[in-house]
Amino acid sequence: MLLTDYSEAIAKFLDYKRVEERLSTIRLHCYKRCLFRFLEYCNDNKVHAVRDIDLALLLQYINTLDCGKTVIVPVLSTLRGFMKYLFEQKLLAADYSNGIPKYRIIGQPKLPSTYSKEEIEKLVASVERSSPIGKRNYAIILLAARLGLRASDIARLKFANLHWETSTIEIEQVKTGKELILPLLPDVGNAIIDYLKYGRAKSEEACIFLSERPPYSYFTSSNVVTHVVQRAFRKAGIIIKGRRFGPHSLRHSLGFRMLQESTMLPVISEVLGHKSTESTRYYLRIDLKSMQQCMLEVPSVSPDFYLQKGGVFYD
């Protein structure tokens, strides 16, 4: 059995947590369960007094833990807090809390959904352009597909952002606040002109794209742009099962195609308006073709290598 100083220390530690940090009953139960598992380990290893706990014992115990990241994190946090408490109460000669490793949960983002050049062209061609709303939606989709603009930037695009004399679109990105200058491609420019002349309701609003119904206001949310693109994907009959199909997928697809065409990373960063190439490196995770080109052949190793000194190292 464990000696009483263990249970007394735990009881005082839990009471301290309850009073000072106002932990819930559930959290206190989790603390208690974690600590008693550790104390069982101490008992099994014949460590029967709090003063005999040391960093080596703690690390050995942590090494035996076989649980997922959602469990290991609170266990380590509990041990760290308990060791610090024991030191502050002068029950341990050293503060071992700093020696307990931290478990970092690094979540890899999901691979972005991308579409082939043929699928993008099919999407663009499927947009009905005879009605005012069709002309608007066509221009929106081209801005996302050809220039990789985010939904938020398309929704807030203003007349002042269009520089016809230099054939450029110049904006301050909503997400990053970074200035971005992109070429006003002919098909994009023509689509915008077609919408302004024959589709857009008469309005003094500074934003280019307006709602389809009175009072014809600007988009108060980028969700409108997202819905426009998603409806177009469904109508085009493109396979979207298991893939995202909003404006961001068009942005990812543009970055992916640029990588396939061996475009330099800084250029892609500039086009997509990233703050740094670190953000753009994310796209490298989906460019398997380019990654395969980086693969090097592994040279064969001479059998003599393994026979050095009689092969003693490789028996």
Protein backbone atom coordinates (compact mmCIF):
# COMPACT_ATOMS: atom_id res chain seq x y z
CA MET A 1 0.00 0.00 0.00
CA LEU A 2 1.08 3.54 -0.53
CA LEU A 3 2.03 5.53 2.54
CA THR A 4 -0.35 8.13 3.90
CA ASP A 5 1.76 11.11 2.83
CA TYR A 6 0.81 10.35 -0.79
CA SER A 7 -2.91 10.48 -0.19
CA GLU A 8 -2.57 13.49 2.10
CA ALA A 9 -0.54 15.36 -0.52
CA ILE A 10 -3.07 14.55 -3.22
CA ALA A 11 -5.99 15.60 -1.04
CA LYS A 12 -4.35 18.92 -0.21
CA PHE A 13 -3.37 19.48 -3.86
CA LEU A 14 -6.93 18.83 -5.07
CA ASP A 15 -8.34 21.07 -2.38
CA TYR A 16 -5.91 23.79 -3.42
CA LYS A 17 -7.03 23.44 -7.06
CA ARG A 18 -10.69 23.52 -6.05
CA VAL A 19 -10.35 26.67 -3.95
CA GLU A 20 -7.71 28.67 -5.83
CA GLU A 21 -8.64 27.78 -9.42
CA ARG A 22 -12.28 26.86 -8.83
CA LEU A 23 -12.03 23.68 -10.84
CA SER A 24 -15.20 21.77 -11.60
CA THR A 25 -15.96 18.40 -10.04
CA ILE A 26 -15.25 16.71 -13.38
CA ARG A 27 -11.84 18.36 -13.72
CA LEU A 28 -10.95 17.45 -10.13
CA HIS A 29 -11.93 13.85 -10.83
CA CYS A 30 -9.61 13.80 -13.85
CA TYR A 31 -6.77 15.20 -11.73
CA LYS A 32 -7.38 12.58 -9.06
CA ARG A 33 -7.47 9.73 -11.58
CA CYS A 34 -4.22 10.85 -13.22
CA LEU A 35 -2.41 11.17 -9.91
CA PHE A 36 -3.52 7.83 -8.51
CA ARG A 37 -2.36 6.08 -11.68
CA PHE A 38 1.05 7.62 -11.14
CA LEU A 39 1.05 6.63 -7.49
CA GLU A 40 0.19 3.05 -8.42
CA TYR A 41 3.25 3.11 -10.65
CA CYS A 42 5.33 4.41 -7.73
CA ASN A 43 4.03 1.63 -5.52
CA ASP A 44 4.85 -1.01 -8.14
CA ASN A 45 8.37 0.36 -8.31
CA LYS A 46 8.74 0.40 -4.52
CA VAL A 47 8.78 4.17 -4.21
CA HIS A 48 6.71 4.54 -1.07
CA ALA A 49 7.33 8.15 -0.05
CA VAL A 50 6.81 11.48 -1.79
CA ARG A 51 10.36 12.57 -0.98
CA ASP A 52 11.72 9.65 -3.03
CA ILE A 53 10.14 10.86 -6.28
CA ASP A 54 12.73 12.12 -8.74
CA LEU A 55 12.84 13.19 -12.39
CA ALA A 56 14.09 9.80 -13.57
CA LEU A 57 11.03 8.11 -12.07
CA LEU A 58 8.73 10.67 -13.69
CA LEU A 59 10.27 10.22 -17.12
CA GLN A 60 10.15 6.43 -16.81
CA TYR A 61 6.46 6.64 -15.95
CA ILE A 62 5.71 8.99 -18.86
CA ASN A 63 7.51 6.57 -21.17
CA THR A 64 5.08 3.82 -20.16
CA LEU A 65 2.00 5.84 -21.09
CA ASP A 66 0.23 4.37 -24.09
CA CYS A 67 -2.61 6.75 -24.87
CA GLY A 68 -3.73 9.22 -27.48
CA LYS A 69 -2.84 12.89 -27.58
CA THR A 70 -6.17 13.89 -26.06
CA VAL A 71 -5.23 11.89 -22.93
CA ILE A 72 -1.50 12.43 -22.66
CA VAL A 73 -1.79 16.21 -22.60
CA PRO A 74 -3.91 16.46 -19.42
CA VAL A 75 -1.83 13.71 -17.76
CA LEU A 76 1.40 15.65 -18.29
CA SER A 77 -0.27 18.88 -17.21
CA THR A 78 -1.53 17.26 -14.02
CA LEU A 79 1.88 15.80 -13.16
CA ARG A 80 3.53 19.13 -13.85
CA GLY A 81 1.15 20.97 -11.53
CA PHE A 82 1.45 18.34 -8.80
CA MET A 83 5.27 18.39 -8.84
CA LYS A 84 5.30 22.17 -8.64
CA TYR A 85 2.89 22.06 -5.71
CA LEU A 86 5.01 19.47 -3.87
CA PHE A 87 8.10 21.62 -4.30
CA GLU A 88 6.35 24.78 -3.11
CA GLN A 89 5.11 22.88 -0.06
CA LYS A 90 8.70 21.75 0.60
CA LEU A 91 7.71 18.10 0.19
CA LEU A 92 10.27 17.75 -2.62
CA ALA A 93 13.80 19.07 -2.60
CA ALA A 94 13.68 20.03 -6.29
CA ASP A 95 11.08 21.37 -8.70
CA TYR A 96 10.67 18.60 -11.26
CA SER A 97 7.81 20.31 -13.08
CA ASN A 98 10.21 21.94 -15.54
CA GLY A 99 11.64 18.57 -16.46
CA ILE A 100 8.32 17.08 -17.52
CA PRO A 101 8.19 17.31 -21.31
CA LYS A 102 5.46 19.22 -23.08
CA TYR A 103 3.42 17.40 -25.66
CA ARG A 104 2.83 19.57 -28.69
CA ILE A 105 -0.23 18.79 -30.76
CA ILE A 106 0.63 19.75 -34.30
CA GLY A 107 -2.35 19.30 -36.51
CA GLN A 108 -1.67 18.98 -40.22
CA PRO A 109 -4.30 20.81 -42.22
CA LYS A 110 -6.27 18.70 -44.61
CA LEU A 111 -5.06 18.59 -48.16
CA PRO A 112 -6.90 21.27 -50.14
CA SER A 113 -9.39 20.26 -52.80
CA THR A 114 -8.19 20.95 -56.31
CA TYR A 115 -9.71 20.68 -59.76
CA SER A 116 -8.08 20.05 -63.12
CA LYS A 117 -7.84 22.67 -65.84
CA GLU A 118 -10.54 20.82 -67.77
CA GLU A 119 -12.88 20.83 -64.78
CA ILE A 120 -12.34 24.56 -64.23
CA GLU A 121 -13.09 25.31 -67.89
CA LYS A 122 -16.21 23.17 -67.67
CA LEU A 123 -17.30 25.14 -64.62
CA VAL A 124 -16.73 28.50 -66.32
CA ALA A 125 -18.50 27.42 -69.52
CA SER A 126 -21.54 26.20 -67.60
CA VAL A 127 -22.42 29.63 -66.19
CA GLU A 128 -25.49 31.13 -67.82
CA ARG A 129 -24.64 34.67 -68.97
CA SER A 130 -27.83 36.00 -70.54
CA SER A 131 -29.45 37.24 -67.31
CA PRO A 132 -28.17 40.02 -64.99
CA ILE A 133 -27.48 37.55 -62.18
CA GLY A 134 -25.73 35.21 -64.60
CA LYS A 135 -23.43 38.01 -65.76
CA ARG A 136 -22.63 38.83 -62.14
CA ASN A 137 -21.93 35.23 -61.20
CA TYR A 138 -19.75 34.69 -64.27
CA ALA A 139 -17.53 37.65 -63.32
CA ILE A 140 -17.33 36.40 -59.72
CA ILE A 141 -16.27 32.90 -60.75
CA LEU A 142 -13.63 34.23 -63.17
CA LEU A 143 -12.10 36.39 -60.43
CA ALA A 144 -11.74 33.31 -58.23
CA ALA A 145 -10.64 30.90 -60.95
CA ARG A 146 -8.31 33.13 -63.02
CA LEU A 147 -6.86 35.37 -60.31
CA GLY A 148 -7.29 33.29 -57.15
CA LEU A 149 -9.01 36.06 -55.22
CA ARG A 150 -10.51 35.13 -51.87
CA ALA A 151 -14.28 35.30 -51.44
CA SER A 152 -13.90 38.22 -49.01
CA ASP A 153 -11.91 40.25 -51.54
CA ILE A 154 -14.37 39.54 -54.35
CA ALA A 155 -17.30 40.56 -52.14
CA ARG A 156 -15.61 43.88 -51.26
CA LEU A 157 -14.20 44.66 -54.71
CA LYS A 158 -14.78 48.35 -55.52
CA PHE A 159 -14.66 50.50 -58.64
CA ALA A 160 -11.59 52.19 -57.18
CA ASN A 161 -9.77 48.85 -57.29
CA LEU A 162 -10.06 48.62 -61.09
CA HIS A 163 -7.29 50.42 -62.95
CA TRP A 164 -8.25 50.19 -66.59
CA GLU A 165 -5.38 52.39 -67.76
CA THR A 166 -2.82 49.89 -66.44
CA SER A 167 -5.05 46.80 -66.78
CA THR A 168 -4.60 45.93 -63.11
CA ILE A 169 -6.69 45.18 -60.06
CA GLU A 170 -5.22 46.75 -56.92
CA ILE A 171 -6.67 45.84 -53.54
CA GLU A 172 -5.87 45.68 -49.85
CA GLN A 173 -6.66 42.12 -48.90
CA VAL A 174 -9.33 41.70 -46.26
CA LYS A 175 -7.61 38.75 -44.58
CA THR A 176 -4.00 39.94 -44.47
CA GLY A 177 -4.21 43.70 -45.03
CA LYS A 178 -1.44 43.28 -47.59
CA GLU A 179 -1.54 45.26 -50.84
CA LEU A 180 -2.07 43.09 -53.89
CA ILE A 181 -1.75 44.02 -57.56
CA LEU A 182 -2.98 41.57 -60.18
CA PRO A 183 -3.33 41.79 -63.95
CA LEU A 184 -6.83 42.54 -65.18
CA LEU A 185 -6.97 39.65 -67.64
CA PRO A 186 -9.00 40.24 -70.81
CA ASP A 187 -11.72 37.66 -70.09
CA VAL A 188 -12.03 38.88 -66.50
CA GLY A 189 -12.19 42.52 -67.58
CA ASN A 190 -14.75 41.77 -70.30
CA ALA A 191 -16.93 39.85 -67.83
CA ILE A 192 -16.89 42.76 -65.38
CA ILE A 193 -17.73 45.26 -68.15
CA ASP A 194 -20.58 43.06 -69.38
CA TYR A 195 -22.00 42.93 -65.86
CA LEU A 196 -21.61 46.67 -65.27
CA LYS A 197 -23.25 47.60 -68.57
CA TYR A 198 -26.01 45.02 -68.81
CA GLY A 199 -26.44 43.35 -65.44
CA ARG A 200 -25.75 45.64 -62.52
CA ALA A 201 -28.65 47.64 -61.11
CA LYS A 202 -28.28 51.41 -61.09
CA SER A 203 -26.69 52.29 -57.78
CA GLU A 204 -24.23 54.72 -56.22
CA GLU A 205 -22.73 51.88 -54.18
CA ALA A 206 -18.92 51.79 -54.31
CA CYS A 207 -18.77 47.99 -54.41
CA ILE A 208 -19.03 46.37 -57.83
CA PHE A 209 -21.15 43.34 -57.02
CA LEU A 210 -24.67 43.87 -55.71
CA SER A 211 -27.49 41.66 -54.52
CA GLU A 212 -29.99 40.56 -57.18
CA ARG A 213 -33.02 42.01 -55.38
CA PRO A 214 -33.91 45.53 -54.17
CA PRO A 215 -32.49 47.50 -52.48
CA TYR A 216 -29.49 46.14 -54.47
CA SER A 217 -26.97 46.44 -51.65
CA TYR A 218 -23.37 45.26 -51.57
CA PHE A 219 -22.56 41.83 -50.16
CA THR A 220 -22.48 42.07 -46.38
CA SER A 221 -20.89 38.63 -46.20
CA SER A 222 -18.46 36.66 -48.33
CA ASN A 223 -20.86 33.72 -47.99
CA VAL A 224 -22.75 35.07 -51.01
CA VAL A 225 -19.67 34.52 -53.16
CA THR A 226 -19.24 31.04 -51.71
CA HIS A 227 -22.82 30.11 -52.54
CA VAL A 228 -22.44 31.43 -56.10
CA VAL A 229 -19.44 29.18 -56.72
CA GLN A 230 -20.98 26.14 -55.02
CA ARG A 231 -24.19 26.39 -57.04
CA ALA A 232 -22.15 26.65 -60.23
CA PHE A 233 -20.18 23.51 -59.35
CA ARG A 234 -23.38 21.55 -58.78
CA LYS A 235 -24.96 22.82 -62.00
CA ALA A 236 -21.84 22.02 -64.05
CA GLY A 237 -22.07 18.34 -63.09
CA ILE A 238 -18.49 18.21 -61.84
CA ILE A 239 -17.75 15.40 -59.39
CA ILE A 240 -17.53 17.09 -55.98
CA LYS A 241 -17.96 14.07 -53.69
CA GLY A 242 -15.20 14.11 -51.08
CA ARG A 243 -13.97 17.48 -52.28
CA ARG A 244 -14.68 21.03 -51.22
CA PHE A 245 -16.17 23.13 -53.97
CA GLY A 246 -16.16 26.75 -52.89
CA PRO A 247 -14.11 29.72 -54.11
CA HIS A 248 -11.13 28.61 -52.03
CA SER A 249 -10.93 25.39 -54.04
CA LEU A 250 -10.57 27.54 -57.17
CA ARG A 251 -7.78 29.44 -55.44
CA HIS A 252 -6.04 26.19 -54.50
CA SER A 253 -6.47 24.88 -58.03
CA LEU A 254 -4.79 27.97 -59.47
CA GLY A 255 -1.83 27.58 -57.11
CA PHE A 256 -1.62 23.88 -57.95
CA ARG A 257 -1.55 24.51 -61.71
CA MET A 258 1.13 27.16 -61.30
CA LEU A 259 3.28 24.64 -59.45
CA GLN A 260 2.72 22.07 -62.17
CA GLU A 261 3.93 24.63 -64.67
CA SER A 262 7.13 25.08 -62.60
CA THR A 263 6.28 28.63 -61.53
CA MET A 264 8.73 29.97 -58.94
CA LEU A 265 7.44 29.92 -55.37
CA PRO A 266 7.89 33.69 -54.77
CA VAL A 267 5.81 34.36 -57.90
CA ILE A 268 2.99 32.13 -56.65
CA SER A 269 3.19 33.87 -53.27
CA GLU A 270 2.83 37.24 -54.97
CA VAL A 271 -0.11 36.15 -57.11
CA LEU A 272 -1.99 34.57 -54.19
CA GLY A 273 -1.20 37.48 -51.89
CA HIS A 274 0.52 35.43 -49.21
CA LYS A 275 2.52 37.22 -46.54
CA SER A 276 5.46 34.88 -47.11
CA THR A 277 6.49 31.84 -49.10
CA GLU A 278 5.95 29.75 -45.96
CA SER A 279 2.21 29.98 -46.57
CA THR A 280 2.71 29.04 -50.20
CA ARG A 281 4.77 25.96 -49.30
CA TYR A 282 1.47 24.48 -48.17
CA TYR A 283 0.63 23.99 -51.83
CA LEU A 284 3.72 21.81 -52.26
CA ARG A 285 1.97 19.10 -50.26
CA ILE A 286 -0.41 18.47 -53.17
CA ASP A 287 2.03 18.75 -56.07
CA LEU A 288 3.01 15.07 -56.21
CA LYS A 289 4.23 15.38 -59.79
CA SER A 290 6.81 18.03 -58.88
CA MET A 291 7.81 16.10 -55.77
CA GLN A 292 8.46 13.01 -57.89
CA GLN A 293 10.83 15.06 -60.05
CA CYS A 294 12.88 15.78 -56.93
CA MET A 295 13.40 12.11 -56.17
CA LEU A 296 16.99 10.91 -56.46
CA GLU A 297 18.13 7.42 -57.28
CA VAL A 298 19.75 5.67 -54.34
CA PRO A 299 23.19 4.42 -55.41
CA SER A 300 23.95 0.78 -54.75
CA VAL A 301 26.34 -0.04 -51.92
CA SER A 302 29.33 -2.20 -52.63
CA PRO A 303 29.34 -5.55 -50.76
CA ASP A 304 32.86 -4.64 -49.57
CA PHE A 305 31.30 -1.96 -47.38
CA TYR A 306 29.53 -4.57 -45.27
CA LEU A 307 32.66 -6.71 -45.02
CA GLN A 308 34.75 -4.07 -43.29
CA LYS A 309 36.71 -5.54 -40.37
CA GLY A 310 35.28 -8.94 -41.12
CA GLY A 311 31.71 -7.68 -41.20
CA VAL A 312 31.62 -7.41 -37.42
CA PHE A 313 29.41 -4.31 -37.50
CA TYR A 314 26.75 -5.85 -39.75
CA ASP A 315 26.39 -9.42 -38.43
